[in-house]
Amino acid sequence: MPYPLAFALTLLVEAPVYLVVLARCGGVRPGRAAAAALVVNCATHPGLWWVLGRFAAGPAAAYWTAFALAETAVCASEALLLGRPLARLLRSPPRSHCRCGRPPR
């Protein structure tokens, strides 16, 4: 799969998740949530692509092990990059208008 297509598919899957979680549950404006999704993916996706490219021609078990480890590192990196909005979301109680699966208090 060519890199631009892989990056587009990543954004297609992850951007809506960022929008819902950060905007609806974290109190971040939708435009900023979309920008956050783009920025963190621009920062982490090239490295992930490079790492996984080293395992693509090898055995499937090696690829999927590398995939799991690399995605774990990417999730941690993206959480660090998000910083304050993510910390606020994790510390704050659910909002009454939050539609992220938690009932209002």
N, C-alpha and C. Protein backbone atom coordinates (compact mmCIF):
# COMPACT_ATOMS: atom_id res chain seq x y z
N MET A 1 0.85 -1.17 0.00
CA MET A 1 0.00 0.00 0.00
C MET A 1 0.90 1.24 0.00
N PRO A 2 0.64 2.19 -0.85
CA PRO A 2 1.45 3.41 -0.87
C PRO A 2 1.22 4.25 0.40
N TYR A 3 2.27 4.97 0.79
CA TYR A 3 2.20 5.75 2.03
C TYR A 3 1.04 6.75 2.05
N PRO A 4 0.81 7.55 1.01
CA PRO A 4 -0.30 8.51 1.09
C PRO A 4 -1.65 7.85 1.35
N LEU A 5 -1.88 6.69 0.78
CA LEU A 5 -3.13 5.97 1.02
C LEU A 5 -3.20 5.47 2.46
N ALA A 6 -2.10 4.95 2.98
CA ALA A 6 -2.07 4.49 4.37
C ALA A 6 -2.33 5.65 5.33
N PHE A 7 -1.74 6.81 5.05
CA PHE A 7 -1.94 7.97 5.91
C PHE A 7 -3.38 8.45 5.83
N ALA A 8 -3.95 8.46 4.64
CA ALA A 8 -5.35 8.88 4.48
C ALA A 8 -6.29 7.92 5.23
N LEU A 9 -6.04 6.64 5.13
CA LEU A 9 -6.88 5.67 5.85
C LEU A 9 -6.75 5.83 7.37
N THR A 10 -5.54 6.11 7.82
CA THR A 10 -5.33 6.35 9.25
C THR A 10 -6.15 7.54 9.71
N LEU A 11 -6.09 8.64 8.97
CA LEU A 11 -6.87 9.83 9.33
C LEU A 11 -8.37 9.55 9.25
N LEU A 12 -8.78 8.78 8.27
CA LEU A 12 -10.20 8.46 8.12
C LEU A 12 -10.72 7.69 9.33
N VAL A 13 -9.88 6.85 9.91
CA VAL A 13 -10.29 6.07 11.08
C VAL A 13 -10.11 6.86 12.38
N GLU A 14 -8.97 7.52 12.53
CA GLU A 14 -8.64 8.13 13.82
C GLU A 14 -9.23 9.52 14.03
N ALA A 15 -9.36 10.32 13.00
CA ALA A 15 -9.85 11.69 13.17
C ALA A 15 -11.25 11.74 13.80
N PRO A 16 -12.20 10.91 13.36
CA PRO A 16 -13.50 10.94 14.02
C PRO A 16 -13.44 10.55 15.50
N VAL A 17 -12.53 9.65 15.85
CA VAL A 17 -12.38 9.27 17.25
C VAL A 17 -11.88 10.46 18.06
N TYR A 18 -10.86 11.14 17.55
CA TYR A 18 -10.36 12.34 18.23
C TYR A 18 -11.45 13.38 18.36
N LEU A 19 -12.22 13.60 17.29
CA LEU A 19 -13.28 14.61 17.34
C LEU A 19 -14.30 14.30 18.43
N VAL A 20 -14.76 13.07 18.47
CA VAL A 20 -15.77 12.70 19.46
C VAL A 20 -15.22 12.79 20.88
N VAL A 21 -14.07 12.20 21.10
CA VAL A 21 -13.54 12.14 22.46
C VAL A 21 -13.11 13.51 22.95
N LEU A 22 -12.35 14.25 22.15
CA LEU A 22 -11.86 15.54 22.61
C LEU A 22 -12.94 16.62 22.62
N ALA A 23 -13.77 16.65 21.59
CA ALA A 23 -14.77 17.71 21.51
C ALA A 23 -15.96 17.46 22.42
N ARG A 24 -16.55 16.29 22.33
CA ARG A 24 -17.76 16.02 23.11
C ARG A 24 -17.48 15.73 24.58
N CYS A 25 -16.41 15.05 24.86
CA CYS A 25 -16.14 14.63 26.24
C CYS A 25 -15.05 15.46 26.91
N GLY A 26 -14.17 16.06 26.14
CA GLY A 26 -13.06 16.80 26.73
C GLY A 26 -13.21 18.30 26.70
N GLY A 27 -14.28 18.80 26.08
CA GLY A 27 -14.51 20.23 26.05
C GLY A 27 -13.61 20.99 25.09
N VAL A 28 -12.98 20.33 24.16
CA VAL A 28 -12.12 20.97 23.18
C VAL A 28 -12.98 21.33 21.97
N ARG A 29 -12.76 22.53 21.42
CA ARG A 29 -13.53 22.93 20.24
C ARG A 29 -13.28 21.96 19.09
N PRO A 30 -14.31 21.68 18.27
CA PRO A 30 -14.16 20.70 17.18
C PRO A 30 -13.00 21.01 16.23
N GLY A 31 -12.80 22.27 15.92
CA GLY A 31 -11.69 22.62 15.03
C GLY A 31 -10.34 22.26 15.62
N ARG A 32 -10.20 22.51 16.92
CA ARG A 32 -8.96 22.16 17.59
C ARG A 32 -8.80 20.65 17.72
N ALA A 33 -9.90 19.95 17.92
CA ALA A 33 -9.83 18.49 18.00
C ALA A 33 -9.39 17.91 16.65
N ALA A 34 -9.91 18.46 15.57
CA ALA A 34 -9.51 18.00 14.23
C ALA A 34 -8.04 18.33 13.97
N ALA A 35 -7.62 19.52 14.38
CA ALA A 35 -6.21 19.89 14.22
C ALA A 35 -5.31 18.98 15.05
N ALA A 36 -5.75 18.65 16.25
CA ALA A 36 -4.97 17.74 17.10
C ALA A 36 -4.80 16.38 16.43
N ALA A 37 -5.88 15.88 15.84
CA ALA A 37 -5.81 14.59 15.15
C ALA A 37 -4.79 14.64 14.01
N LEU A 38 -4.81 15.72 13.25
CA LEU A 38 -3.88 15.86 12.13
C LEU A 38 -2.44 15.99 12.63
N VAL A 39 -2.22 16.83 13.63
CA VAL A 39 -0.86 17.07 14.12
C VAL A 39 -0.24 15.81 14.71
N VAL A 40 -0.97 15.12 15.59
CA VAL A 40 -0.37 13.93 16.21
C VAL A 40 -0.12 12.83 15.18
N ASN A 41 -0.98 12.72 14.19
CA ASN A 41 -0.75 11.71 13.16
C ASN A 41 0.41 12.10 12.24
N CYS A 42 0.56 13.39 11.96
CA CYS A 42 1.72 13.83 11.17
C CYS A 42 3.02 13.58 11.92
N ALA A 43 2.96 13.64 13.23
CA ALA A 43 4.16 13.42 14.04
C ALA A 43 4.50 11.95 14.21
N THR A 44 3.51 11.08 14.26
CA THR A 44 3.78 9.67 14.59
C THR A 44 3.70 8.71 13.41
N HIS A 45 2.90 9.02 12.42
CA HIS A 45 2.67 8.07 11.33
C HIS A 45 3.92 7.76 10.52
N PRO A 46 4.77 8.74 10.18
CA PRO A 46 5.97 8.38 9.41
C PRO A 46 6.87 7.38 10.13
N GLY A 47 7.04 7.55 11.42
CA GLY A 47 7.87 6.60 12.17
C GLY A 47 7.27 5.22 12.21
N LEU A 48 5.97 5.15 12.40
CA LEU A 48 5.28 3.86 12.39
C LEU A 48 5.45 3.18 11.04
N TRP A 49 5.27 3.94 9.98
CA TRP A 49 5.41 3.40 8.62
C TRP A 49 6.82 2.87 8.39
N TRP A 50 7.82 3.58 8.87
CA TRP A 50 9.20 3.16 8.70
C TRP A 50 9.46 1.86 9.46
N VAL A 51 9.01 1.80 10.71
CA VAL A 51 9.23 0.60 11.52
C VAL A 51 8.53 -0.61 10.90
N LEU A 52 7.28 -0.44 10.52
CA LEU A 52 6.54 -1.58 9.97
C LEU A 52 7.09 -2.01 8.61
N GLY A 53 7.65 -1.10 7.87
CA GLY A 53 8.25 -1.44 6.57
C GLY A 53 9.40 -2.41 6.71
N ARG A 54 10.08 -2.37 7.84
CA ARG A 54 11.21 -3.28 8.09
C ARG A 54 10.74 -4.72 8.30
N PHE A 55 9.48 -4.91 8.65
CA PHE A 55 8.96 -6.25 8.95
C PHE A 55 7.98 -6.76 7.90
N ALA A 56 7.67 -5.95 6.91
CA ALA A 56 6.64 -6.30 5.93
C ALA A 56 6.98 -7.55 5.12
N ALA A 57 8.23 -7.76 4.80
CA ALA A 57 8.61 -8.90 3.97
C ALA A 57 8.89 -10.16 4.78
N GLY A 58 8.91 -10.05 6.09
CA GLY A 58 9.23 -11.19 6.94
C GLY A 58 8.01 -12.02 7.29
N PRO A 59 8.16 -12.89 8.26
CA PRO A 59 7.04 -13.73 8.69
C PRO A 59 5.91 -12.90 9.29
N ALA A 60 4.71 -13.41 9.15
CA ALA A 60 3.53 -12.70 9.64
C ALA A 60 3.61 -12.47 11.15
N ALA A 61 4.10 -13.43 11.89
CA ALA A 61 4.19 -13.28 13.35
C ALA A 61 5.11 -12.12 13.73
N ALA A 62 6.21 -11.96 13.01
CA ALA A 62 7.13 -10.85 13.29
C ALA A 62 6.47 -9.52 12.96
N TYR A 63 5.73 -9.47 11.84
CA TYR A 63 5.05 -8.23 11.46
C TYR A 63 4.02 -7.83 12.50
N TRP A 64 3.17 -8.77 12.90
CA TRP A 64 2.10 -8.43 13.84
C TRP A 64 2.62 -8.12 15.24
N THR A 65 3.73 -8.74 15.62
CA THR A 65 4.37 -8.39 16.88
C THR A 65 4.91 -6.96 16.81
N ALA A 66 5.59 -6.65 15.72
CA ALA A 66 6.10 -5.29 15.53
C ALA A 66 4.95 -4.30 15.47
N PHE A 67 3.87 -4.66 14.80
CA PHE A 67 2.70 -3.79 14.71
C PHE A 67 2.14 -3.46 16.10
N ALA A 68 1.97 -4.48 16.92
CA ALA A 68 1.41 -4.27 18.26
C ALA A 68 2.32 -3.40 19.11
N LEU A 69 3.61 -3.67 19.08
CA LEU A 69 4.55 -2.87 19.87
C LEU A 69 4.64 -1.44 19.35
N ALA A 70 4.68 -1.28 18.04
CA ALA A 70 4.78 0.06 17.45
C ALA A 70 3.51 0.86 17.71
N GLU A 71 2.35 0.25 17.59
CA GLU A 71 1.09 0.96 17.86
C GLU A 71 0.99 1.36 19.32
N THR A 72 1.50 0.54 20.22
CA THR A 72 1.53 0.91 21.64
C THR A 72 2.38 2.15 21.84
N ALA A 73 3.55 2.17 21.20
CA ALA A 73 4.42 3.34 21.30
C ALA A 73 3.77 4.57 20.68
N VAL A 74 3.06 4.40 19.57
CA VAL A 74 2.38 5.52 18.92
C VAL A 74 1.27 6.06 19.81
N CYS A 75 0.50 5.19 20.44
CA CYS A 75 -0.57 5.64 21.34
C CYS A 75 0.02 6.45 22.50
N ALA A 76 1.10 5.98 23.07
CA ALA A 76 1.74 6.71 24.17
C ALA A 76 2.28 8.05 23.68
N SER A 77 2.88 8.07 22.51
CA SER A 77 3.42 9.32 21.95
C SER A 77 2.31 10.31 21.67
N GLU A 78 1.21 9.84 21.10
CA GLU A 78 0.10 10.74 20.81
C GLU A 78 -0.53 11.28 22.09
N ALA A 79 -0.60 10.46 23.12
CA ALA A 79 -1.12 10.94 24.40
C ALA A 79 -0.21 12.02 24.98
N LEU A 80 1.10 11.84 24.87
CA LEU A 80 2.03 12.87 25.35
C LEU A 80 1.90 14.14 24.54
N LEU A 81 1.72 14.01 23.24
CA LEU A 81 1.57 15.20 22.39
C LEU A 81 0.28 15.95 22.68
N LEU A 82 -0.77 15.23 23.03
CA LEU A 82 -2.04 15.89 23.33
C LEU A 82 -2.00 16.61 24.66
N GLY A 83 -1.21 16.10 25.60
CA GLY A 83 -0.97 16.76 26.85
C GLY A 83 -2.19 17.25 27.59
N ARG A 84 -2.35 18.55 27.65
CA ARG A 84 -3.37 19.19 28.48
C ARG A 84 -4.80 18.75 28.15
N PRO A 85 -5.23 18.71 26.88
CA PRO A 85 -6.62 18.29 26.64
C PRO A 85 -6.90 16.87 27.14
N LEU A 86 -5.94 15.97 26.96
CA LEU A 86 -6.14 14.60 27.41
C LEU A 86 -6.14 14.53 28.93
N ALA A 87 -5.25 15.28 29.57
CA ALA A 87 -5.21 15.30 31.04
C ALA A 87 -6.52 15.83 31.60
N ARG A 88 -7.05 16.88 30.97
CA ARG A 88 -8.32 17.44 31.44
C ARG A 88 -9.44 16.41 31.29
N LEU A 89 -9.45 15.69 30.19
CA LEU A 89 -10.49 14.69 29.95
C LEU A 89 -10.40 13.57 30.99
N LEU A 90 -9.21 13.13 31.31
CA LEU A 90 -9.06 12.03 32.25
C LEU A 90 -9.36 12.44 33.69
N ARG A 91 -9.14 13.71 34.03
CA ARG A 91 -9.39 14.19 35.39
C ARG A 91 -10.81 14.62 35.65
N SER A 92 -11.51 15.10 34.62
CA SER A 92 -12.81 15.71 34.83
C SER A 92 -13.92 14.66 34.90
N PRO A 93 -14.96 14.96 35.68
CA PRO A 93 -16.12 14.07 35.70
C PRO A 93 -16.87 14.18 34.38
N PRO A 94 -17.66 13.20 34.04
CA PRO A 94 -18.42 13.27 32.79
C PRO A 94 -19.36 14.46 32.79
N ARG A 95 -19.53 15.07 31.62
CA ARG A 95 -20.46 16.19 31.48
C ARG A 95 -21.84 15.65 31.15
N SER A 96 -22.85 16.42 31.50
CA SER A 96 -24.22 15.95 31.27
C SER A 96 -24.52 15.82 29.79
N HIS A 97 -23.85 16.61 28.95
CA HIS A 97 -24.10 16.55 27.51
C HIS A 97 -23.14 15.60 26.78
N CYS A 98 -22.29 14.94 27.53
CA CYS A 98 -21.32 14.03 26.93
C CYS A 98 -22.03 12.82 26.35
N ARG A 99 -21.70 12.51 25.11
CA ARG A 99 -22.31 11.35 24.44
C ARG A 99 -21.25 10.28 24.19
N CYS A 100 -20.42 10.06 25.18
CA CYS A 100 -19.33 9.11 24.97
C CYS A 100 -19.54 7.81 25.74
N GLY A 101 -20.77 7.49 26.02
CA GLY A 101 -21.06 6.20 26.62
C GLY A 101 -21.18 6.19 28.12
N ARG A 102 -20.90 7.31 28.77
CA ARG A 102 -21.03 7.36 30.22
C ARG A 102 -22.31 8.10 30.58
N PRO A 103 -23.09 7.58 31.51
CA PRO A 103 -24.34 8.28 31.89
C PRO A 103 -24.02 9.55 32.67
N PRO A 104 -24.85 10.58 32.56
CA PRO A 104 -24.61 11.79 33.33
C PRO A 104 -24.81 11.54 34.82
N ARG A 105 -24.11 12.31 35.63
CA ARG A 105 -24.20 12.17 37.09
C ARG A 105 -25.30 13.04 37.63
